[in-house]
PDB file of N, CA and C in Angstrom:
ATOM      1  N   MET A   1      88.751  75.226  91.894  1.00  0.00           N
ATOM      2  CA  MET A   1      88.877  76.671  91.809  1.00  0.00           C
ATOM      3  C   MET A   1      89.068  77.083  90.359  1.00  0.00           C
ATOM      4  N   SER A   2      88.665  78.273  90.071  1.00  0.00           N
ATOM      5  CA  SER A   2      88.808  78.787  88.714  1.00  0.00           C
ATOM      6  C   SER A   2      90.260  79.166  88.425  1.00  0.00           C
ATOM      7  N   PRO A   3      90.618  79.307  87.132  1.00  0.00           N
ATOM      8  CA  PRO A   3      91.984  79.703  86.790  1.00  0.00           C
ATOM      9  C   PRO A   3      92.271  81.128  87.274  1.00  0.00           C
ATOM     10  N   GLN A   4      93.518  81.390  87.567  1.00  0.00           N
ATOM     11  CA  GLN A   4      93.887  82.718  88.035  1.00  0.00           C
ATOM     12  C   GLN A   4      94.171  83.651  86.863  1.00  0.00           C
ATOM     13  N   ALA A   5      94.183  84.935  87.132  1.00  0.00           N
ATOM     14  CA  ALA A   5      94.240  85.961  86.087  1.00  0.00           C
ATOM     15  C   ALA A   5      95.599  86.100  85.416  1.00  0.00           C
ATOM     16  N   ARG A   6      96.697  85.791  86.100  1.00  0.00           N
ATOM     17  CA  ARG A   6      98.023  86.059  85.533  1.00  0.00           C
ATOM     18  C   ARG A   6      98.434  85.053  84.478  1.00  0.00           C
ATOM     19  N   CYS A   7      98.329  83.751  84.759  1.00  0.00           N
ATOM     20  CA  CYS A   7      98.803  82.749  83.793  1.00  0.00           C
ATOM     21  C   CYS A   7      97.744  81.711  83.450  1.00  0.00           C
ATOM     22  N   ARG A   8      96.557  81.850  84.027  1.00  0.00           N
ATOM     23  CA  ARG A   8      95.433  80.940  83.788  1.00  0.00           C
ATOM     24  C   ARG A   8      95.647  79.554  84.385  1.00  0.00           C
ATOM     25  N   SER A   9      96.640  79.383  85.260  1.00  0.00           N
ATOM     26  CA  SER A   9      96.840  78.114  85.970  1.00  0.00           C
ATOM     27  C   SER A   9      95.813  77.984  87.082  1.00  0.00           C
ATOM     28  N   SER A  10      95.741  76.806  87.655  1.00  0.00           N
ATOM     29  CA  SER A  10      94.819  76.582  88.770  1.00  0.00           C
ATOM     30  C   SER A  10      95.284  77.345  90.004  1.00  0.00           C
ATOM     31  N   LEU A  11      94.338  77.883  90.721  1.00  0.00           N
ATOM     32  CA  LEU A  11      94.631  78.589  91.964  1.00  0.00           C
ATOM     33  C   LEU A  11      94.790  77.620  93.115  1.00  0.00           C
ATOM     34  N   ILE A  12      95.650  77.970  94.045  1.00  0.00           N
ATOM     35  CA  ILE A  12      95.742  77.249  95.308  1.00  0.00           C
ATOM     36  C   ILE A  12      94.702  77.841  96.256  1.00  0.00           C
ATOM     37  N   MET A  13      94.617  79.172  96.271  1.00  0.00           N
ATOM     38  CA  MET A  13      93.623  79.870  97.077  1.00  0.00           C
ATOM     39  C   MET A  13      93.462  81.285  96.557  1.00  0.00           C
ATOM     40  N   SER A  14      92.348  81.908  96.914  1.00  0.00           N
ATOM     41  CA  SER A  14      92.115  83.298  96.513  1.00  0.00           C
ATOM     42  C   SER A  14      91.279  83.994  97.579  1.00  0.00           C
ATOM     43  N   GLY A  15      91.286  85.305  97.515  1.00  0.00           N
ATOM     44  CA  GLY A  15      90.506  86.108  98.450  1.00  0.00           C
ATOM     45  C   GLY A  15      90.422  87.528  97.940  1.00  0.00           C
ATOM     46  N   VAL A  16      89.787  88.386  98.704  1.00  0.00           N
ATOM     47  CA  VAL A  16      89.666  89.799  98.367  1.00  0.00           C
ATOM     48  C   VAL A  16      90.278  90.601  99.504  1.00  0.00           C
ATOM     49  N   ALA A  17      91.160  91.532  99.157  1.00  0.00           N
ATOM     50  CA  ALA A  17      91.844  92.351 100.156  1.00  0.00           C
ATOM     51  C   ALA A  17      90.860  93.296 100.849  1.00  0.00           C
ATOM     52  N   PRO A  18      91.214  93.744 102.058  1.00  0.00           N
ATOM     53  CA  PRO A  18      90.335  94.669 102.774  1.00  0.00           C
ATOM     54  C   PRO A  18      90.354  96.088 102.214  1.00  0.00           C
ATOM     55  N   GLN A  19      91.283  96.391 101.310  1.00  0.00           N
ATOM     56  CA  GLN A  19      91.357  97.710 100.685  1.00  0.00           C
ATOM     57  C   GLN A  19      91.074  97.591  99.197  1.00  0.00           C
ATOM     58  N   ASP A  20      90.514  98.642  98.616  1.00  0.00           N
ATOM     59  CA  ASP A  20      90.316  98.715  97.172  1.00  0.00           C
ATOM     60  C   ASP A  20      91.565  99.292  96.518  1.00  0.00           C
ATOM     61  N   ASP A  21      91.698  99.108  95.194  1.00  0.00           N
ATOM     62  CA  ASP A  21      92.815  99.712  94.483  1.00  0.00           C
ATOM     63  C   ASP A  21      92.553 101.208  94.281  1.00  0.00           C
ATOM     64  N   GLU A  22      93.472 101.878  93.593  1.00  0.00           N
ATOM     65  CA  GLU A  22      93.364 103.326  93.416  1.00  0.00           C
ATOM     66  C   GLU A  22      92.141 103.741  92.596  1.00  0.00           C
ATOM     67  N   HIS A  23      91.520 102.801  91.910  1.00  0.00           N
ATOM     68  CA  HIS A  23      90.322 103.079  91.109  1.00  0.00           C
ATOM     69  C   HIS A  23      89.036 102.670  91.831  1.00  0.00           C
ATOM     70  N   GLY A  24      89.176 102.253  93.096  1.00  0.00           N
ATOM     71  CA  GLY A  24      88.013 101.861  93.879  1.00  0.00           C
ATOM     72  C   GLY A  24      87.531 100.446  93.624  1.00  0.00           C
ATOM     73  N   ARG A  25      88.348  99.648  92.920  1.00  0.00           N
ATOM     74  CA  ARG A  25      87.970  98.260  92.639  1.00  0.00           C
ATOM     75  C   ARG A  25      88.593  97.327  93.676  1.00  0.00           C
ATOM     76  N   PRO A  26      87.924  96.230  93.978  1.00  0.00           N
ATOM     77  CA  PRO A  26      88.492  95.267  94.924  1.00  0.00           C
ATOM     78  C   PRO A  26      89.815  94.700  94.412  1.00  0.00           C
ATOM     79  N   ILE A  27      90.729  94.454  95.322  1.00  0.00           N
ATOM     80  CA  ILE A  27      92.005  93.806  94.995  1.00  0.00           C
ATOM     81  C   ILE A  27      91.829  92.319  95.256  1.00  0.00           C
ATOM     82  N   HIS A  28      91.958  91.527  94.209  1.00  0.00           N
ATOM     83  CA  HIS A  28      91.821  90.079  94.331  1.00  0.00           C
ATOM     84  C   HIS A  28      93.190  89.469  94.613  1.00  0.00           C
ATOM     85  N   LEU A  29      93.251  88.686  95.661  1.00  0.00           N
ATOM     86  CA  LEU A  29      94.471  88.001  96.064  1.00  0.00           C
ATOM     87  C   LEU A  29      94.422  86.590  95.495  1.00  0.00           C
ATOM     88  N   GLU A  30      95.427  86.238  94.701  1.00  0.00           N
ATOM     89  CA  GLU A  30      95.453  84.907  94.081  1.00  0.00           C
ATOM     90  C   GLU A  30      96.809  84.249  94.336  1.00  0.00           C
ATOM     91  N   LEU A  31      96.782  83.044  94.853  1.00  0.00           N
ATOM     92  CA  LEU A  31      98.003  82.282  95.090  1.00  0.00           C
ATOM     93  C   LEU A  31      98.082  81.175  94.049  1.00  0.00           C
ATOM     94  N   CYS A  32      99.161  81.192  93.265  1.00  0.00           N
ATOM     95  CA  CYS A  32      99.356  80.264  92.147  1.00  0.00           C
ATOM     96  C   CYS A  32     100.741  79.645  92.242  1.00  0.00           C
ATOM     97  N   ALA A  33     100.823  78.333  92.149  1.00  0.00           N
ATOM     98  CA  ALA A  33     102.119  77.659  92.220  1.00  0.00           C
ATOM     99  C   ALA A  33     103.040  78.066  91.074  1.00  0.00           C
ATOM    100  N   VAL A  34     102.481  78.318  89.905  1.00  0.00           N
ATOM    101  CA  VAL A  34     103.289  78.686  88.736  1.00  0.00           C
ATOM    102  C   VAL A  34     103.864  80.089  88.892  1.00  0.00           C
ATOM    103  N   CYS A  35     103.027  81.057  89.228  1.00  0.00           N
ATOM    104  CA  CYS A  35     103.448  82.462  89.295  1.00  0.00           C
ATOM    105  C   CYS A  35     104.179  82.822  90.581  1.00  0.00           C
ATOM    106  N   ASP A  36     103.833  82.191  91.678  1.00  0.00           N
ATOM    107  CA  ASP A  36     104.336  82.633  92.974  1.00  0.00           C
ATOM    108  C   ASP A  36     105.517  81.840  93.517  1.00  0.00           C
ATOM    109  N   THR A  37     105.901  80.767  92.874  1.00  0.00           N
ATOM    110  CA  THR A  37     107.063  80.004  93.304  1.00  0.00           C
ATOM    111  C   THR A  37     108.325  80.677  92.784  1.00  0.00           C
ATOM    112  N   GLY A  38     109.235  81.015  93.690  1.00  0.00           N
ATOM    113  CA  GLY A  38     110.518  81.595  93.295  1.00  0.00           C
ATOM    114  C   GLY A  38     110.478  83.068  92.954  1.00  0.00           C
ATOM    115  N   ASP A  39     109.394  83.786  93.247  1.00  0.00           N
ATOM    116  CA  ASP A  39     109.315  85.219  92.983  1.00  0.00           C
ATOM    117  C   ASP A  39     110.057  85.945  94.103  1.00  0.00           C
ATOM    118  N   VAL A  40     111.244  86.477  93.798  1.00  0.00           N
ATOM    119  CA  VAL A  40     112.065  87.107  94.832  1.00  0.00           C
ATOM    120  C   VAL A  40     111.428  88.377  95.390  1.00  0.00           C
ATOM    121  N   ASP A  41     110.506  88.969  94.652  1.00  0.00           N
ATOM    122  CA  ASP A  41     109.820  90.168  95.131  1.00  0.00           C
ATOM    123  C   ASP A  41     108.657  89.830  96.051  1.00  0.00           C
ATOM    124  N   ARG A  42     108.294  88.557  96.108  1.00  0.00           N
ATOM    125  CA  ARG A  42     107.164  88.123  96.938  1.00  0.00           C
ATOM    126  C   ARG A  42     107.530  86.830  97.677  1.00  0.00           C
ATOM    127  N   PRO A  43     108.470  86.925  98.632  1.00  0.00           N
ATOM    128  CA  PRO A  43     108.939  85.704  99.301  1.00  0.00           C
ATOM    129  C   PRO A  43     107.866  84.982 100.103  1.00  0.00           C
ATOM    130  N   ALA A  44     106.938  85.696 100.718  1.00  0.00           N
ATOM    131  CA  ALA A  44     105.899  85.011 101.500  1.00  0.00           C
ATOM    132  C   ALA A  44     105.001  84.168 100.604  1.00  0.00           C
ATOM    133  N   ALA A  45     104.737  84.653  99.389  1.00  0.00           N
ATOM    134  CA  ALA A  45     103.917  83.879  98.450  1.00  0.00           C
ATOM    135  C   ALA A  45     104.577  82.542  98.154  1.00  0.00           C
ATOM    136  N   GLY A  46     105.871  82.567  97.879  1.00  0.00           N
ATOM    137  CA  GLY A  46     106.601  81.332  97.588  1.00  0.00           C
ATOM    138  C   GLY A  46     106.625  80.385  98.771  1.00  0.00           C
ATOM    139  N   LEU A  47     106.824  80.930  99.966  1.00  0.00           N
ATOM    140  CA  LEU A  47     106.823  80.090 101.166  1.00  0.00           C
ATOM    141  C   LEU A  47     105.443  79.498 101.428  1.00  0.00           C
ATOM    142  N   LEU A  48     104.399  80.273 101.139  1.00  0.00           N
ATOM    143  CA  LEU A  48     103.044  79.759 101.316  1.00  0.00           C
ATOM    144  C   LEU A  48     102.752  78.639 100.313  1.00  0.00           C
ATOM    145  N   VAL A  49     103.181  78.801  99.063  1.00  0.00           N
ATOM    146  CA  VAL A  49     103.035  77.743  98.056  1.00  0.00           C
ATOM    147  C   VAL A  49     103.762  76.484  98.534  1.00  0.00           C
ATOM    148  N   GLN A  50     104.993  76.669  99.026  1.00  0.00           N
ATOM    149  CA  GLN A  50     105.782  75.532  99.510  1.00  0.00           C
ATOM    150  C   GLN A  50     105.090  74.857 100.698  1.00  0.00           C
ATOM    151  N   SER A  51     104.510  75.649 101.560  1.00  0.00           N
ATOM    152  CA  SER A  51     103.803  75.096 102.715  1.00  0.00           C
ATOM    153  C   SER A  51     102.643  74.207 102.279  1.00  0.00           C
ATOM    154  N   PHE A  52     101.872  74.671 101.304  1.00  0.00           N
ATOM    155  CA  PHE A  52     100.771  73.843 100.792  1.00  0.00           C
ATOM    156  C   PHE A  52     101.311  72.589 100.092  1.00  0.00           C
ATOM    157  N   ALA A  53     102.393  72.722  99.340  1.00  0.00           N
ATOM    158  CA  ALA A  53     102.971  71.573  98.628  1.00  0.00           C
ATOM    159  C   ALA A  53     103.472  70.509  99.599  1.00  0.00           C
ATOM    160  N   ASN A  54     103.921  70.944 100.776  1.00  0.00           N
ATOM    161  CA  ASN A  54     104.430  70.015 101.787  1.00  0.00           C
ATOM    162  C   ASN A  54     103.363  69.610 102.795  1.00  0.00           C
ATOM    163  N   ASN A  55     102.099  69.784 102.423  1.00  0.00           N
ATOM    164  CA  ASN A  55     100.966  69.483 103.291  1.00  0.00           C
ATOM    165  C   ASN A  55     100.904  70.368 104.526  1.00  0.00           C
ATOM    166  N   GLY A  56     101.650  71.477 104.529  1.00  0.00           N
ATOM    167  CA  GLY A  56     101.586  72.419 105.638  1.00  0.00           C
ATOM    168  C   GLY A  56     100.232  73.067 105.746  1.00  0.00           C
ATOM    169  N   GLY A  57      99.479  73.100 104.648  1.00  0.00           N
ATOM    170  CA  GLY A  57      98.147  73.671 104.676  1.00  0.00           C
ATOM    171  C   GLY A  57      97.184  72.850 105.508  1.00  0.00           C
ATOM    172  N   HIS A  58      97.564  71.615 105.820  1.00  0.00           N
ATOM    173  CA  HIS A  58      96.709  70.741 106.623  1.00  0.00           C
ATOM    174  C   HIS A  58      97.365  70.377 107.951  1.00  0.00           C
ATOM    175  N   ASP A  59      98.488  70.992 108.253  1.00  0.00           N
ATOM    176  CA  ASP A  59      99.229  70.689 109.473  1.00  0.00           C
ATOM    177  C   ASP A  59      98.716  71.574 110.603  1.00  0.00           C
ATOM    178  N   GLU A  60      97.927  70.996 111.476  1.00  0.00           N
ATOM    179  CA  GLU A  60      97.321  71.770 112.554  1.00  0.00           C
ATOM    180  C   GLU A  60      98.316  72.148 113.647  1.00  0.00           C
ATOM    181  N   SER A  61      99.522  71.614 113.592  1.00  0.00           N
ATOM    182  CA  SER A  61     100.514  71.952 114.609  1.00  0.00           C
ATOM    183  C   SER A  61     101.240  73.254 114.284  1.00  0.00           C
ATOM    184  N   ALA A  62     100.985  73.852 113.128  1.00  0.00           N
ATOM    185  CA  ALA A  62     101.711  75.059 112.742  1.00  0.00           C
ATOM    186  C   ALA A  62     100.782  76.229 112.386  1.00  0.00           C
ATOM    187  N   PRO A  63      99.733  76.472 113.164  1.00  0.00           N
ATOM    188  CA  PRO A  63      98.809  77.560 112.808  1.00  0.00           C
ATOM    189  C   PRO A  63      99.440  78.942 112.878  1.00  0.00           C
ATOM    190  N   LYS A  64     100.371  79.135 113.800  1.00  0.00           N
ATOM    191  CA  LYS A  64     100.999  80.450 113.934  1.00  0.00           C
ATOM    192  C   LYS A  64     101.791  80.795 112.678  1.00  0.00           C
ATOM    193  N   MET A  65     102.563  79.852 112.149  1.00  0.00           N
ATOM    194  CA  MET A  65     103.344  80.087 110.935  1.00  0.00           C
ATOM    195  C   MET A  65     102.418  80.301 109.747  1.00  0.00           C
ATOM    196  N   GLY A  66     101.368  79.496 109.656  1.00  0.00           N
ATOM    197  CA  GLY A  66     100.414  79.653 108.562  1.00  0.00           C
ATOM    198  C   GLY A  66      99.737  81.006 108.587  1.00  0.00           C
ATOM    199  N   SER A  67      99.360  81.447 109.767  1.00  0.00           N
ATOM    200  CA  SER A  67      98.728  82.755 109.926  1.00  0.00           C
ATOM    201  C   SER A  67      99.682  83.867 109.507  1.00  0.00           C
ATOM    202  N   HIS A  68     100.930  83.741 109.922  1.00  0.00           N
ATOM    203  CA  HIS A  68     101.941  84.743 109.556  1.00  0.00           C
ATOM    204  C   HIS A  68     102.148  84.777 108.041  1.00  0.00           C
ATOM    205  N   LEU A  69     102.285  83.607 107.411  1.00  0.00           N
ATOM    206  CA  LEU A  69     102.486  83.560 105.960  1.00  0.00           C
ATOM    207  C   LEU A  69     101.289  84.132 105.204  1.00  0.00           C
ATOM    208  N   LEU A  70     100.080  83.830 105.668  1.00  0.00           N
ATOM    209  CA  LEU A  70      98.885  84.381 105.022  1.00  0.00           C
ATOM    210  C   LEU A  70      98.864  85.898 105.111  1.00  0.00           C
ATOM    211  N   THR A  71      99.205  86.430 106.272  1.00  0.00           N
ATOM    212  CA  THR A  71      99.230  87.886 106.453  1.00  0.00           C
ATOM    213  C   THR A  71     100.276  88.528 105.558  1.00  0.00           C
ATOM    214  N   GLU A  72     101.468  87.958 105.528  1.00  0.00           N
ATOM    215  CA  GLU A  72     102.544  88.525 104.702  1.00  0.00           C
ATOM    216  C   GLU A  72     102.218  88.414 103.212  1.00  0.00           C
ATOM    217  N   TRP A  73     101.605  87.308 102.809  1.00  0.00           N
ATOM    218  CA  TRP A  73     101.191  87.136 101.411  1.00  0.00           C
ATOM    219  C   TRP A  73     100.172  88.196 101.027  1.00  0.00           C
ATOM    220  N   ALA A  74      99.195  88.446 101.896  1.00  0.00           N
ATOM    221  CA  ALA A  74      98.184  89.469 101.618  1.00  0.00           C
ATOM    222  C   ALA A  74      98.834  90.846 101.484  1.00  0.00           C
ATOM    223  N   LYS A  75      99.800  91.149 102.338  1.00  0.00           N
ATOM    224  CA  LYS A  75     100.514  92.427 102.255  1.00  0.00           C
ATOM    225  C   LYS A  75     101.262  92.540 100.924  1.00  0.00           C
ATOM    226  N   GLU A  76     101.905  91.435 100.494  1.00  0.00           N
ATOM    227  CA  GLU A  76     102.619  91.448  99.213  1.00  0.00           C
ATOM    228  C   GLU A  76     101.663  91.709  98.054  1.00  0.00           C
ATOM    229  N   CYS A  77     100.521  91.052  98.072  1.00  0.00           N
ATOM    230  CA  CYS A  77      99.530  91.247  97.007  1.00  0.00           C
ATOM    231  C   CYS A  77      99.048  92.686  96.966  1.00  0.00           C
ATOM    232  N   MET A  78      98.757  93.236  98.129  1.00  0.00           N
ATOM    233  CA  MET A  78      98.263  94.605  98.183  1.00  0.00           C
ATOM    234  C   MET A  78      99.339  95.594  97.749  1.00  0.00           C
ATOM    235  N   ALA A  79     100.581  95.359  98.138  1.00  0.00           N
ATOM    236  CA  ALA A  79     101.684  96.233  97.732  1.00  0.00           C
ATOM    237  C   ALA A  79     101.865  96.219  96.214  1.00  0.00           C
ATOM    238  N   ALA A  80     101.619  95.061  95.595  1.00  0.00           N
ATOM    239  CA  ALA A  80     101.719  94.960  94.138  1.00  0.00           C
ATOM    240  C   ALA A  80     100.678  95.837  93.446  1.00  0.00           C
ATOM    241  N   HIS A  81      99.618  96.192  94.177  1.00  0.00           N
ATOM    242  CA  HIS A  81      98.570  97.069  93.652  1.00  0.00           C
ATOM    243  C   HIS A  81      98.719  98.493  94.177  1.00  0.00           C
ATOM    244  N   GLY A  82      99.877  98.798  94.770  1.00  0.00           N
ATOM    245  CA  GLY A  82     100.135 100.148  95.253  1.00  0.00           C
ATOM    246  C   GLY A  82      99.464 100.489  96.563  1.00  0.00           C
ATOM    247  N   GLN A  83      99.003  99.497  97.295  1.00  0.00           N
ATOM    248  CA  GLN A  83      98.318  99.741  98.559  1.00  0.00           C
ATOM    249  C   GLN A  83      99.213  99.351  99.725  1.00  0.00           C
ATOM    250  N   VAL A  84      99.136 100.122 100.784  1.00  0.00           N
ATOM    251  CA  VAL A  84      99.861  99.810 102.006  1.00  0.00           C
ATOM    252  C   VAL A  84      98.831  99.325 103.021  1.00  0.00           C
ATOM    253  N   PRO A  85      98.896  98.056 103.379  1.00  0.00           N
ATOM    254  CA  PRO A  85      97.921  97.525 104.321  1.00  0.00           C
ATOM    255  C   PRO A  85      98.038  98.202 105.682  1.00  0.00           C
ATOM    256  N   SER A  86      96.902  98.440 106.305  1.00  0.00           N
ATOM    257  CA  SER A  86      96.890  98.992 107.658  1.00  0.00           C
ATOM    258  C   SER A  86      96.045  98.085 108.544  1.00  0.00           C
ATOM    259  N   LEU A  87      96.184  98.250 109.834  1.00  0.00           N
ATOM    260  CA  LEU A  87      95.459  97.394 110.766  1.00  0.00           C
ATOM    261  C   LEU A  87      94.039  97.874 111.004  1.00  0.00           C
ATOM    262  N   GLY A  88      93.792  99.167 110.946  1.00  0.00           N
ATOM    263  CA  GLY A  88      92.459  99.704 111.177  1.00  0.00           C
ATOM    264  C   GLY A  88      91.691  99.859 109.870  1.00  0.00           C
ATOM    265  N   VAL A  89      90.376  99.997 109.978  1.00  0.00           N
ATOM    266  CA  VAL A  89      89.546 100.208 108.796  1.00  0.00           C
ATOM    267  C   VAL A  89      89.474 101.707 108.536  1.00  0.00           C
ATOM    268  N   THR A  90      89.879 102.118 107.341  1.00  0.00           N
ATOM    269  CA  THR A  90      89.821 103.519 106.956  1.00  0.00           C
ATOM    270  C   THR A  90      89.067 103.639 105.642  1.00  0.00           C
ATOM    271  N   LYS A  91      88.941 104.840 105.145  1.00  0.00           N
ATOM    272  CA  LYS A  91      88.240 105.058 103.870  1.00  0.00           C
ATOM    273  C   LYS A  91      88.859 104.175 102.784  1.00  0.00           C
ATOM    274  N   GLY A  92      88.007 103.548 102.004  1.00  0.00           N
ATOM    275  CA  GLY A  92      88.484 102.669 100.946  1.00  0.00           C
ATOM    276  C   GLY A  92      88.680 101.238 101.388  1.00  0.00           C
ATOM    277  N   GLN A  93      88.448 100.975 102.673  1.00  0.00           N
ATOM    278  CA  GLN A  93      88.619  99.611 103.185  1.00  0.00           C
ATOM    279  C   GLN A  93      87.261  99.001 103.489  1.00  0.00           C
ATOM    280  N   ARG A  94      87.238  97.689 103.442  1.00  0.00           N
ATOM    281  CA  ARG A  94      86.058  96.960 103.848  1.00  0.00           C
ATOM    282  C   ARG A  94      86.173  96.655 105.327  1.00  0.00           C
ATOM    283  N   PRO A  95      85.081  96.743 106.066  1.00  0.00           N
ATOM    284  CA  PRO A  95      85.143  96.410 107.503  1.00  0.00           C
ATOM    285  C   PRO A  95      85.385  94.935 107.720  1.00  0.00           C
TER     286      PRO A  95
END
């Protein structure tokens, strides 16, 4: 994976949020062990990093927890860009 935008460290994973930012640009979601470990404002990001570090990313017995952490991490990323995630597709969102 390519380096992430905040500290140029290697990414664990990345994606694009379903909503654009206030300028109409896509919000890129980046999970980085350096930036996201221990961030008290983004606890799901840290737990997701820890899950991957403990091989939880490959543990098929815990899909529900992984799904929950991914959802919460995406919400944290979007909130950092001033967006409030919603369940339905509305203006400014990708289907």
